[in-house]
């Protein structure tokens, strides 16, 4: 598959089958993804894999507890919250992508861009292996409760959590605006 075809065919996947995602594959994908451009070769990333049942249960509880103050979660019936926990537990694997925080704002922005490039590399590499995922940036990734629960240090931030697995049905692609319509030539 060409790079262009991989980019155009990749989809965000939210429904996974129960096929396990091997740690070997995750490591292989990460070892290729770390070739993302990063300023000064700072490599500002680290990773937390959540794949074991007990860890998935703990993380799903942390996610919902971290969002419990939000009106849209607070008003949900307990039955719906339990369904959300169950769905999170059924995701074959989660990857939490963590970034070092730099006091220098310019370096911080460069590092965030580098980590985002790494995540896109990871998604495209996974897509070639027929592994789908969704990149979550919901509010819980900034929660002190979530950070403490998964071991995020004070000098770190979570850039995203990738929920991943194999899938049976691929969603249809949504059209993109042609670049020419957003292009300014000086």
N, C-alpha and C. Protein backbone atom coordinates (compact mmCIF):
# COMPACT_ATOMS: atom_id res chain seq x y z
N UNK A 1 0.85 -1.17 0.00
CA UNK A 1 0.00 0.00 0.00
C UNK A 1 0.90 1.25 0.00
N UNK A 2 0.58 2.22 -0.83
CA UNK A 2 1.38 3.44 -0.86
C UNK A 2 1.11 4.29 0.38
N UNK A 3 2.02 5.19 0.68
CA UNK A 3 1.84 6.07 1.84
C UNK A 3 0.57 6.89 1.65
N UNK A 4 0.37 7.43 0.46
CA UNK A 4 -0.84 8.24 0.20
C UNK A 4 -2.10 7.43 0.42
N UNK A 5 -2.10 6.19 -0.04
CA UNK A 5 -3.28 5.33 0.15
C UNK A 5 -3.50 5.02 1.62
N UNK A 6 -2.43 4.77 2.35
CA UNK A 6 -2.54 4.52 3.79
C UNK A 6 -3.14 5.73 4.50
N UNK A 7 -2.64 6.92 4.16
CA UNK A 7 -3.15 8.15 4.77
C UNK A 7 -4.63 8.33 4.46
N UNK A 8 -5.01 8.14 3.20
CA UNK A 8 -6.41 8.36 2.80
C UNK A 8 -7.36 7.28 3.29
N UNK A 9 -6.86 6.08 3.50
CA UNK A 9 -7.76 4.98 3.91
C UNK A 9 -7.91 4.86 5.43
N UNK A 10 -6.99 5.45 6.19
CA UNK A 10 -7.04 5.32 7.65
C UNK A 10 -8.32 5.92 8.20
N UNK A 11 -8.91 5.24 9.17
CA UNK A 11 -10.14 5.70 9.82
C UNK A 11 -9.96 5.61 11.32
N UNK A 12 -10.70 6.45 12.02
CA UNK A 12 -10.79 6.32 13.48
C UNK A 12 -11.76 5.18 13.77
N UNK A 13 -11.31 4.23 14.55
CA UNK A 13 -12.11 3.03 14.85
C UNK A 13 -12.54 3.10 16.31
N UNK A 14 -13.83 2.90 16.52
CA UNK A 14 -14.39 2.95 17.88
C UNK A 14 -14.94 1.61 18.35
N UNK A 15 -15.17 0.71 17.42
CA UNK A 15 -15.72 -0.62 17.74
C UNK A 15 -14.68 -1.68 17.40
N UNK A 16 -14.30 -2.45 18.40
CA UNK A 16 -13.26 -3.45 18.21
C UNK A 16 -13.82 -4.85 18.44
N UNK A 17 -13.21 -5.84 17.77
CA UNK A 17 -13.55 -7.21 18.09
C UNK A 17 -12.69 -7.64 19.29
N UNK A 18 -12.79 -8.89 19.69
CA UNK A 18 -12.09 -9.30 20.92
C UNK A 18 -10.69 -9.87 20.68
N UNK A 19 -10.17 -9.75 19.47
CA UNK A 19 -8.82 -10.22 19.17
C UNK A 19 -7.80 -9.39 19.94
N UNK A 20 -6.89 -10.05 20.62
CA UNK A 20 -5.89 -9.37 21.44
C UNK A 20 -4.86 -8.65 20.55
N UNK A 21 -4.33 -7.58 21.08
CA UNK A 21 -3.24 -6.85 20.44
C UNK A 21 -1.96 -7.23 21.18
N UNK A 22 -1.01 -7.79 20.48
CA UNK A 22 0.19 -8.28 21.16
C UNK A 22 1.11 -7.13 21.56
N UNK A 23 1.76 -7.31 22.70
CA UNK A 23 2.74 -6.34 23.17
C UNK A 23 3.88 -6.23 22.16
N UNK A 24 4.24 -7.33 21.51
CA UNK A 24 5.31 -7.31 20.51
C UNK A 24 4.96 -6.37 19.37
N UNK A 25 3.69 -6.40 18.92
CA UNK A 25 3.28 -5.51 17.84
C UNK A 25 3.31 -4.06 18.30
N UNK A 26 2.82 -3.78 19.49
CA UNK A 26 2.84 -2.41 20.00
C UNK A 26 4.27 -1.88 20.05
N UNK A 27 5.19 -2.69 20.54
CA UNK A 27 6.59 -2.27 20.62
C UNK A 27 7.18 -2.07 19.23
N UNK A 28 6.87 -2.98 18.32
CA UNK A 28 7.35 -2.84 16.93
C UNK A 28 6.86 -1.53 16.33
N UNK A 29 5.58 -1.24 16.49
CA UNK A 29 5.01 0.00 15.95
C UNK A 29 5.65 1.23 16.60
N UNK A 30 5.84 1.18 17.91
CA UNK A 30 6.47 2.31 18.61
C UNK A 30 7.91 2.52 18.15
N UNK A 31 8.64 1.42 17.93
CA UNK A 31 10.03 1.55 17.49
C UNK A 31 10.14 2.18 16.11
N UNK A 32 9.13 2.02 15.28
CA UNK A 32 9.10 2.72 13.99
C UNK A 32 8.56 4.14 14.15
N UNK A 33 7.56 4.31 15.00
CA UNK A 33 6.93 5.63 15.18
C UNK A 33 7.88 6.66 15.78
N UNK A 34 8.85 6.22 16.59
CA UNK A 34 9.76 7.17 17.23
C UNK A 34 10.71 7.86 16.24
N UNK A 35 10.63 7.48 14.98
CA UNK A 35 11.42 8.15 13.95
C UNK A 35 10.74 9.45 13.51
N UNK A 36 9.75 9.89 14.25
CA UNK A 36 9.09 11.16 13.98
C UNK A 36 10.10 12.30 14.15
N UNK A 37 9.93 13.36 13.36
CA UNK A 37 10.82 14.50 13.55
C UNK A 37 10.64 15.09 14.94
N UNK A 38 11.74 15.41 15.59
CA UNK A 38 11.65 16.07 16.89
C UNK A 38 12.86 16.98 17.05
N UNK A 39 12.58 18.21 17.41
CA UNK A 39 13.58 19.27 17.48
C UNK A 39 14.68 18.91 18.48
N UNK A 40 15.91 19.09 18.04
CA UNK A 40 17.05 18.86 18.93
C UNK A 40 17.17 17.43 19.41
N UNK A 41 16.48 16.50 18.73
CA UNK A 41 16.47 15.09 19.14
C UNK A 41 16.14 14.95 20.63
N UNK A 42 15.19 15.78 21.11
CA UNK A 42 14.82 15.73 22.53
C UNK A 42 14.00 14.48 22.86
N UNK A 43 13.37 13.87 21.86
CA UNK A 43 12.54 12.68 22.08
C UNK A 43 11.71 12.86 23.35
N UNK A 44 10.76 13.79 23.34
CA UNK A 44 10.05 14.19 24.57
C UNK A 44 8.92 13.26 24.98
N UNK A 45 8.93 12.02 24.54
CA UNK A 45 7.81 11.12 24.76
C UNK A 45 8.15 9.93 25.64
N UNK A 46 7.10 9.37 26.22
CA UNK A 46 7.16 8.05 26.84
C UNK A 46 5.76 7.46 26.74
N UNK A 47 5.64 6.18 27.04
CA UNK A 47 4.39 5.46 26.76
C UNK A 47 3.98 4.59 27.93
N UNK A 48 2.69 4.48 28.12
CA UNK A 48 2.12 3.58 29.11
C UNK A 48 1.12 2.69 28.37
N UNK A 49 1.34 1.39 28.39
CA UNK A 49 0.43 0.45 27.75
C UNK A 49 -0.50 -0.13 28.81
N UNK A 50 -1.77 -0.13 28.49
CA UNK A 50 -2.79 -0.70 29.38
C UNK A 50 -3.45 -1.83 28.60
N UNK A 51 -3.16 -3.07 29.00
CA UNK A 51 -3.72 -4.21 28.26
C UNK A 51 -4.25 -5.31 29.18
N UNK A 52 -3.77 -5.38 30.40
CA UNK A 52 -4.23 -6.43 31.32
C UNK A 52 -5.59 -6.06 31.89
N UNK A 53 -6.38 -7.08 32.20
CA UNK A 53 -7.75 -6.85 32.68
C UNK A 53 -7.80 -5.95 33.91
N UNK A 54 -7.01 -6.23 34.92
CA UNK A 54 -7.03 -5.41 36.13
C UNK A 54 -6.64 -3.96 35.85
N UNK A 55 -5.65 -3.78 34.98
CA UNK A 55 -5.21 -2.43 34.63
C UNK A 55 -6.29 -1.70 33.83
N UNK A 56 -6.96 -2.42 32.93
CA UNK A 56 -8.04 -1.79 32.15
C UNK A 56 -9.19 -1.37 33.06
N UNK A 57 -9.51 -2.20 34.04
CA UNK A 57 -10.57 -1.85 35.00
C UNK A 57 -10.18 -0.61 35.80
N UNK A 58 -8.94 -0.56 36.25
CA UNK A 58 -8.46 0.58 37.02
C UNK A 58 -8.52 1.86 36.18
N UNK A 59 -8.04 1.78 34.94
CA UNK A 59 -8.00 2.96 34.07
C UNK A 59 -9.41 3.41 33.69
N UNK A 60 -10.32 2.49 33.43
CA UNK A 60 -11.69 2.89 33.09
C UNK A 60 -12.34 3.59 34.28
N UNK A 61 -12.06 3.12 35.48
CA UNK A 61 -12.59 3.78 36.69
C UNK A 61 -11.98 5.17 36.84
N UNK A 62 -10.66 5.29 36.59
CA UNK A 62 -9.99 6.59 36.67
C UNK A 62 -10.56 7.58 35.65
N UNK A 63 -10.82 7.09 34.44
CA UNK A 63 -11.37 7.96 33.40
C UNK A 63 -12.71 8.52 33.84
N UNK A 64 -13.61 7.65 34.28
CA UNK A 64 -14.94 8.11 34.67
C UNK A 64 -14.90 8.96 35.94
N UNK A 65 -14.08 8.58 36.89
CA UNK A 65 -13.94 9.40 38.11
C UNK A 65 -13.36 10.77 37.78
N UNK A 66 -12.43 10.82 36.82
CA UNK A 66 -11.81 12.08 36.43
C UNK A 66 -12.79 13.01 35.73
N UNK A 67 -13.82 12.42 35.14
CA UNK A 67 -14.82 13.23 34.43
C UNK A 67 -16.11 13.40 35.24
N UNK A 68 -16.12 12.90 36.47
CA UNK A 68 -17.36 12.90 37.26
C UNK A 68 -17.88 14.30 37.58
N UNK A 69 -17.00 15.29 37.58
CA UNK A 69 -17.42 16.66 37.86
C UNK A 69 -18.15 17.31 36.67
N UNK A 70 -18.00 16.70 35.49
CA UNK A 70 -18.60 17.28 34.30
C UNK A 70 -20.11 17.04 34.30
N UNK A 71 -20.85 18.05 33.94
CA UNK A 71 -22.30 17.98 33.96
C UNK A 71 -22.82 16.81 33.12
N UNK A 72 -22.25 16.63 31.93
CA UNK A 72 -22.75 15.58 31.03
C UNK A 72 -22.51 14.17 31.59
N UNK A 73 -21.53 14.01 32.48
CA UNK A 73 -21.29 12.72 33.11
C UNK A 73 -22.08 12.61 34.42
N UNK A 74 -22.08 13.69 35.17
CA UNK A 74 -22.75 13.71 36.47
C UNK A 74 -24.23 13.33 36.35
N UNK A 75 -24.88 13.76 35.29
CA UNK A 75 -26.32 13.53 35.13
C UNK A 75 -26.66 12.16 34.54
N UNK A 76 -25.66 11.41 34.12
CA UNK A 76 -25.93 10.09 33.53
C UNK A 76 -26.38 9.11 34.60
N UNK A 77 -27.34 8.28 34.27
CA UNK A 77 -27.73 7.22 35.21
C UNK A 77 -26.56 6.25 35.44
N UNK A 78 -26.52 5.65 36.60
CA UNK A 78 -25.44 4.72 36.96
C UNK A 78 -25.32 3.59 35.94
N UNK A 79 -26.43 3.16 35.40
CA UNK A 79 -26.44 2.07 34.41
C UNK A 79 -25.63 2.47 33.16
N UNK A 80 -25.76 3.72 32.74
CA UNK A 80 -25.02 4.20 31.56
C UNK A 80 -23.53 4.32 31.89
N UNK A 81 -23.22 4.79 33.09
CA UNK A 81 -21.81 4.87 33.51
C UNK A 81 -21.17 3.48 33.52
N UNK A 82 -21.92 2.50 34.00
CA UNK A 82 -21.42 1.13 34.03
C UNK A 82 -21.20 0.62 32.61
N UNK A 83 -22.08 0.97 31.69
CA UNK A 83 -21.92 0.57 30.29
C UNK A 83 -20.64 1.20 29.71
N UNK A 84 -20.39 2.47 30.05
CA UNK A 84 -19.17 3.13 29.58
C UNK A 84 -17.93 2.41 30.12
N UNK A 85 -17.94 2.04 31.40
CA UNK A 85 -16.81 1.31 32.00
C UNK A 85 -16.61 -0.02 31.27
N UNK A 86 -17.71 -0.71 31.03
CA UNK A 86 -17.64 -2.01 30.35
C UNK A 86 -17.03 -1.86 28.96
N UNK A 87 -17.48 -0.85 28.22
CA UNK A 87 -16.95 -0.64 26.87
C UNK A 87 -15.46 -0.33 26.90
N UNK A 88 -15.03 0.49 27.87
CA UNK A 88 -13.60 0.79 27.99
C UNK A 88 -12.80 -0.48 28.33
N UNK A 89 -13.37 -1.33 29.18
CA UNK A 89 -12.70 -2.58 29.56
C UNK A 89 -12.60 -3.55 28.40
N UNK A 90 -13.50 -3.44 27.44
CA UNK A 90 -13.51 -4.36 26.30
C UNK A 90 -12.54 -3.95 25.19
N UNK A 91 -12.02 -2.74 25.27
CA UNK A 91 -11.02 -2.31 24.28
C UNK A 91 -9.78 -3.18 24.50
N UNK A 92 -9.28 -3.83 23.44
CA UNK A 92 -8.15 -4.74 23.62
C UNK A 92 -6.90 -4.11 24.24
N UNK A 93 -6.56 -2.87 23.88
CA UNK A 93 -5.36 -2.23 24.45
C UNK A 93 -5.51 -0.72 24.38
N UNK A 94 -4.88 -0.07 25.34
CA UNK A 94 -4.83 1.40 25.38
C UNK A 94 -3.35 1.79 25.44
N UNK A 95 -3.03 2.88 24.76
CA UNK A 95 -1.68 3.43 24.82
C UNK A 95 -1.79 4.89 25.26
N UNK A 96 -1.20 5.20 26.40
CA UNK A 96 -1.18 6.57 26.89
C UNK A 96 0.15 7.17 26.45
N UNK A 97 0.06 8.26 25.69
CA UNK A 97 1.26 8.91 25.16
C UNK A 97 1.54 10.15 26.02
N UNK A 98 2.71 10.13 26.64
CA UNK A 98 3.09 11.13 27.63
C UNK A 98 4.24 11.96 27.09
N UNK A 99 4.23 13.24 27.43
CA UNK A 99 5.25 14.17 26.96
C UNK A 99 5.89 14.90 28.13
N UNK A 100 7.20 15.11 28.05
CA UNK A 100 7.89 15.94 29.04
C UNK A 100 7.43 17.38 28.86
N UNK A 101 7.22 18.07 29.95
CA UNK A 101 6.84 19.48 29.90
C UNK A 101 8.12 20.31 29.99
N UNK A 102 8.26 21.26 29.10
CA UNK A 102 9.43 22.14 29.11
C UNK A 102 8.99 23.53 29.56
N UNK A 103 9.80 24.17 30.38
CA UNK A 103 9.46 25.52 30.87
C UNK A 103 9.48 26.55 29.75
N UNK A 104 10.30 26.29 28.73
CA UNK A 104 10.40 27.19 27.58
C UNK A 104 9.20 26.94 26.67
N UNK A 105 8.34 27.94 26.48
CA UNK A 105 7.10 27.78 25.71
C UNK A 105 7.37 27.32 24.28
N UNK A 106 8.40 27.88 23.65
CA UNK A 106 8.73 27.50 22.28
C UNK A 106 9.09 26.02 22.19
N UNK A 107 9.95 25.56 23.11
CA UNK A 107 10.32 24.14 23.13
C UNK A 107 9.10 23.28 23.42
N UNK A 108 8.23 23.75 24.30
CA UNK A 108 7.01 23.01 24.65
C UNK A 108 6.15 22.80 23.40
N UNK A 109 6.00 23.85 22.59
CA UNK A 109 5.20 23.73 21.36
C UNK A 109 5.88 22.81 20.36
N UNK A 110 7.19 22.90 20.24
CA UNK A 110 7.92 22.00 19.35
C UNK A 110 7.73 20.55 19.79
N UNK A 111 7.82 20.32 21.10
CA UNK A 111 7.70 18.96 21.62
C UNK A 111 6.28 18.42 21.42
N UNK A 112 5.28 19.27 21.60
CA UNK A 112 3.89 18.82 21.39
C UNK A 112 3.69 18.43 19.91
N UNK A 113 4.26 19.23 19.02
CA UNK A 113 4.17 18.90 17.59
C UNK A 113 4.88 17.57 17.30
N UNK A 114 6.04 17.36 17.91
CA UNK A 114 6.79 16.13 17.68
C UNK A 114 6.01 14.91 18.17
N UNK A 115 5.41 15.02 19.36
CA UNK A 115 4.65 13.91 19.91
C UNK A 115 3.41 13.65 19.04
N UNK A 116 2.80 14.69 18.53
CA UNK A 116 1.65 14.51 17.63
C UNK A 116 2.08 13.80 16.35
N UNK A 117 3.26 14.14 15.83
CA UNK A 117 3.79 13.43 14.65
C UNK A 117 4.00 11.95 14.98
N UNK A 118 4.55 11.68 16.15
CA UNK A 118 4.76 10.30 16.57
C UNK A 118 3.43 9.54 16.61
N UNK A 119 2.40 10.17 17.18
CA UNK A 119 1.09 9.52 17.26
C UNK A 119 0.55 9.23 15.87
N UNK A 120 0.68 10.18 14.95
CA UNK A 120 0.21 9.94 13.59
C UNK A 120 1.01 8.81 12.94
N UNK A 121 2.34 8.80 13.13
CA UNK A 121 3.14 7.68 12.62
C UNK A 121 2.60 6.36 13.15
N UNK A 122 2.36 6.31 14.45
CA UNK A 122 1.87 5.09 15.10
C UNK A 122 0.54 4.66 14.48
N UNK A 123 -0.37 5.60 14.29
CA UNK A 123 -1.68 5.27 13.72
C UNK A 123 -1.55 4.72 12.30
N UNK A 124 -0.71 5.34 11.49
CA UNK A 124 -0.55 4.89 10.11
C UNK A 124 0.14 3.53 10.04
N UNK A 125 1.15 3.34 10.86
CA UNK A 125 1.82 2.04 10.91
C UNK A 125 0.86 0.94 11.37
N UNK A 126 0.04 1.25 12.35
CA UNK A 126 -0.94 0.28 12.85
C UNK A 126 -1.97 -0.03 11.77
N UNK A 127 -2.38 0.99 11.03
CA UNK A 127 -3.39 0.79 9.98
C UNK A 127 -2.89 -0.20 8.93
N UNK A 128 -1.61 -0.12 8.61
CA UNK A 128 -1.02 -1.07 7.66
C UNK A 128 -1.11 -2.51 8.18
N UNK A 129 -1.16 -2.67 9.49
CA UNK A 129 -1.27 -4.00 10.11
C UNK A 129 -2.73 -4.35 10.42
N UNK A 130 -3.66 -3.54 9.89
CA UNK A 130 -5.11 -3.72 10.10
C UNK A 130 -5.52 -3.57 11.55
N UNK A 131 -4.77 -2.75 12.27
CA UNK A 131 -5.06 -2.43 13.66
C UNK A 131 -5.64 -1.02 13.68
N UNK A 132 -6.83 -0.89 14.24
CA UNK A 132 -7.49 0.41 14.28
C UNK A 132 -7.41 1.04 15.65
N UNK A 133 -7.71 2.34 15.69
CA UNK A 133 -7.67 3.04 16.98
C UNK A 133 -8.40 4.37 16.88
N UNK A 134 -8.63 4.92 18.05
CA UNK A 134 -9.16 6.27 18.18
C UNK A 134 -8.23 7.02 19.13
N UNK A 135 -7.88 8.24 18.76
CA UNK A 135 -6.99 9.09 19.56
C UNK A 135 -7.88 9.97 20.43
N UNK A 136 -7.89 9.69 21.72
CA UNK A 136 -8.74 10.44 22.65
C UNK A 136 -7.95 11.56 23.30
N UNK A 137 -8.56 12.76 23.27
CA UNK A 137 -7.99 13.91 23.96
C UNK A 137 -9.03 14.50 24.92
N UNK A 138 -9.95 13.66 25.36
CA UNK A 138 -11.00 14.12 26.26
C UNK A 138 -10.39 14.69 27.54
N UNK A 139 -11.20 15.41 28.29
CA UNK A 139 -10.76 16.15 29.47
C UNK A 139 -10.01 15.31 30.50
N UNK A 140 -10.32 14.03 30.60
CA UNK A 140 -9.70 13.21 31.64
C UNK A 140 -8.19 13.17 31.53
N UNK A 141 -7.63 13.38 30.33
CA UNK A 141 -6.17 13.29 30.18
C UNK A 141 -5.44 14.41 30.92
N UNK A 142 -6.17 15.44 31.35
CA UNK A 142 -5.56 16.54 32.10
C UNK A 142 -5.87 16.47 33.60
N UNK A 143 -6.59 15.48 34.01
CA UNK A 143 -7.04 15.37 35.40
C UNK A 143 -5.91 14.92 36.33
N UNK A 144 -5.72 15.63 37.46
CA UNK A 144 -4.72 15.19 38.44
C UNK A 144 -5.01 13.78 38.96
N UNK A 145 -6.28 13.43 39.11
CA UNK A 145 -6.65 12.09 39.56
C UNK A 145 -6.17 11.03 38.56
N UNK A 146 -6.42 11.27 37.28
CA UNK A 146 -5.97 10.35 36.23
C UNK A 146 -4.44 10.29 36.22
N UNK A 147 -3.79 11.45 36.28
CA UNK A 147 -2.32 11.49 36.27
C UNK A 147 -1.73 10.68 37.41
N UNK A 148 -2.24 10.90 38.60
CA UNK A 148 -1.73 10.16 39.76
C UNK A 148 -1.97 8.67 39.59
N UNK A 149 -3.14 8.30 39.10
CA UNK A 149 -3.51 6.89 38.98
C UNK A 149 -2.67 6.10 37.99
N UNK A 150 -2.19 6.77 36.93
CA UNK A 150 -1.41 6.05 35.91
C UNK A 150 0.08 6.38 35.97
N UNK A 151 0.48 7.23 36.93
CA UNK A 151 1.90 7.50 37.13
C UNK A 151 2.49 8.61 36.28
N UNK A 152 1.68 9.61 35.96
CA UNK A 152 2.19 10.77 35.23
C UNK A 152 2.90 11.68 36.25
N UNK A 153 4.11 12.07 35.92
CA UNK A 153 4.93 12.90 36.82
C UNK A 153 4.55 14.37 36.69
N UNK A 154 4.89 15.19 37.70
CA UNK A 154 4.56 16.62 37.65
C UNK A 154 5.14 17.35 36.44
N UNK A 155 6.25 16.86 35.90
CA UNK A 155 6.87 17.51 34.74
C UNK A 155 6.44 16.86 33.41
N UNK A 156 5.25 16.22 33.41
CA UNK A 156 4.75 15.55 32.21
C UNK A 156 3.29 15.94 31.96
N UNK A 157 2.87 15.72 30.72
CA UNK A 157 1.47 15.85 30.37
C UNK A 157 1.10 14.73 29.41
N UNK A 158 -0.19 14.40 29.39
CA UNK A 158 -0.67 13.38 28.46
C UNK A 158 -1.11 14.09 27.18
N UNK A 159 -0.58 13.63 26.05
CA UNK A 159 -0.97 14.20 24.76
C UNK A 159 -2.20 13.49 24.23
N UNK A 160 -2.35 12.24 24.56
CA UNK A 160 -3.53 11.51 24.14
C UNK A 160 -3.50 10.08 24.62
N UNK A 161 -4.66 9.46 24.52
CA UNK A 161 -4.79 8.05 24.85
C UNK A 161 -5.34 7.37 23.60
N UNK A 162 -4.61 6.38 23.13
CA UNK A 162 -5.02 5.65 21.93
C UNK A 162 -5.72 4.37 22.38
N UNK A 163 -7.01 4.26 22.06
CA UNK A 163 -7.78 3.04 22.31
C UNK A 163 -7.65 2.23 21.03
N UNK A 164 -7.14 0.99 21.12
CA UNK A 164 -6.84 0.27 19.89
C UNK A 164 -7.26 -1.19 19.92
N UNK A 165 -7.49 -1.69 18.72
CA UNK A 165 -7.84 -3.09 18.56
C UNK A 165 -8.12 -3.41 17.10
N UNK A 166 -8.38 -4.66 16.87
CA UNK A 166 -8.76 -5.10 15.53
C UNK A 166 -10.26 -4.88 15.37
N UNK A 167 -10.71 -4.80 14.14
CA UNK A 167 -12.10 -4.44 13.89
C UNK A 167 -12.66 -5.28 12.75
N UNK A 168 -13.98 -5.40 12.73
CA UNK A 168 -14.66 -6.16 11.70
C UNK A 168 -15.27 -5.27 10.63
N UNK A 169 -15.63 -4.06 11.01
CA UNK A 169 -16.31 -3.16 10.09
C UNK A 169 -15.59 -1.82 10.06
N UNK A 170 -15.27 -1.38 8.85
CA UNK A 170 -14.59 -0.11 8.70
C UNK A 170 -15.61 0.98 8.38
N UNK A 171 -15.56 2.08 9.12
CA UNK A 171 -16.48 3.17 8.81
C UNK A 171 -16.15 3.82 7.46
N UNK A 172 -17.14 4.42 6.87
CA UNK A 172 -16.92 5.14 5.60
C UNK A 172 -16.11 6.40 5.89
N UNK A 173 -15.31 6.78 4.91
CA UNK A 173 -14.53 8.00 5.05
C UNK A 173 -15.40 9.23 4.86
N UNK A 174 -15.02 10.28 5.53
CA UNK A 174 -15.72 11.56 5.37
C UNK A 174 -14.91 12.43 4.42
N UNK A 175 -15.60 13.19 3.58
CA UNK A 175 -14.86 14.00 2.61
C UNK A 175 -14.00 15.06 3.30
N UNK A 176 -12.94 15.42 2.63
CA UNK A 176 -12.04 16.46 3.10
C UNK A 176 -12.14 17.65 2.15
N UNK A 177 -11.91 18.82 2.68
CA UNK A 177 -11.88 20.03 1.86
C UNK A 177 -10.59 20.02 1.05
N UNK A 178 -10.67 20.21 -0.25
CA UNK A 178 -9.44 20.25 -1.05
C UNK A 178 -8.50 21.34 -0.53
N UNK A 179 -7.23 21.05 -0.54
CA UNK A 179 -6.23 21.99 -0.02
C UNK A 179 -6.30 23.33 -0.73
N UNK A 180 -6.62 23.31 -2.01
CA UNK A 180 -6.68 24.56 -2.78
C UNK A 180 -7.66 25.57 -2.17
N UNK A 181 -8.68 25.07 -1.51
CA UNK A 181 -9.68 25.96 -0.91
C UNK A 181 -9.18 26.60 0.39
N UNK A 182 -8.08 26.09 0.92
CA UNK A 182 -7.52 26.64 2.16
C UNK A 182 -6.11 27.15 1.95
N UNK A 183 -5.78 27.37 0.71
CA UNK A 183 -4.41 27.73 0.35
C UNK A 183 -4.31 29.22 0.04
N UNK A 184 -3.30 29.83 0.60
CA UNK A 184 -2.95 31.22 0.27
C UNK A 184 -1.55 31.18 -0.31
N UNK A 185 -1.38 31.83 -1.45
CA UNK A 185 -0.07 31.91 -2.08
C UNK A 185 0.38 33.36 -2.00
N UNK A 186 1.55 33.58 -1.43
CA UNK A 186 2.08 34.95 -1.31
C UNK A 186 3.11 35.21 -2.40
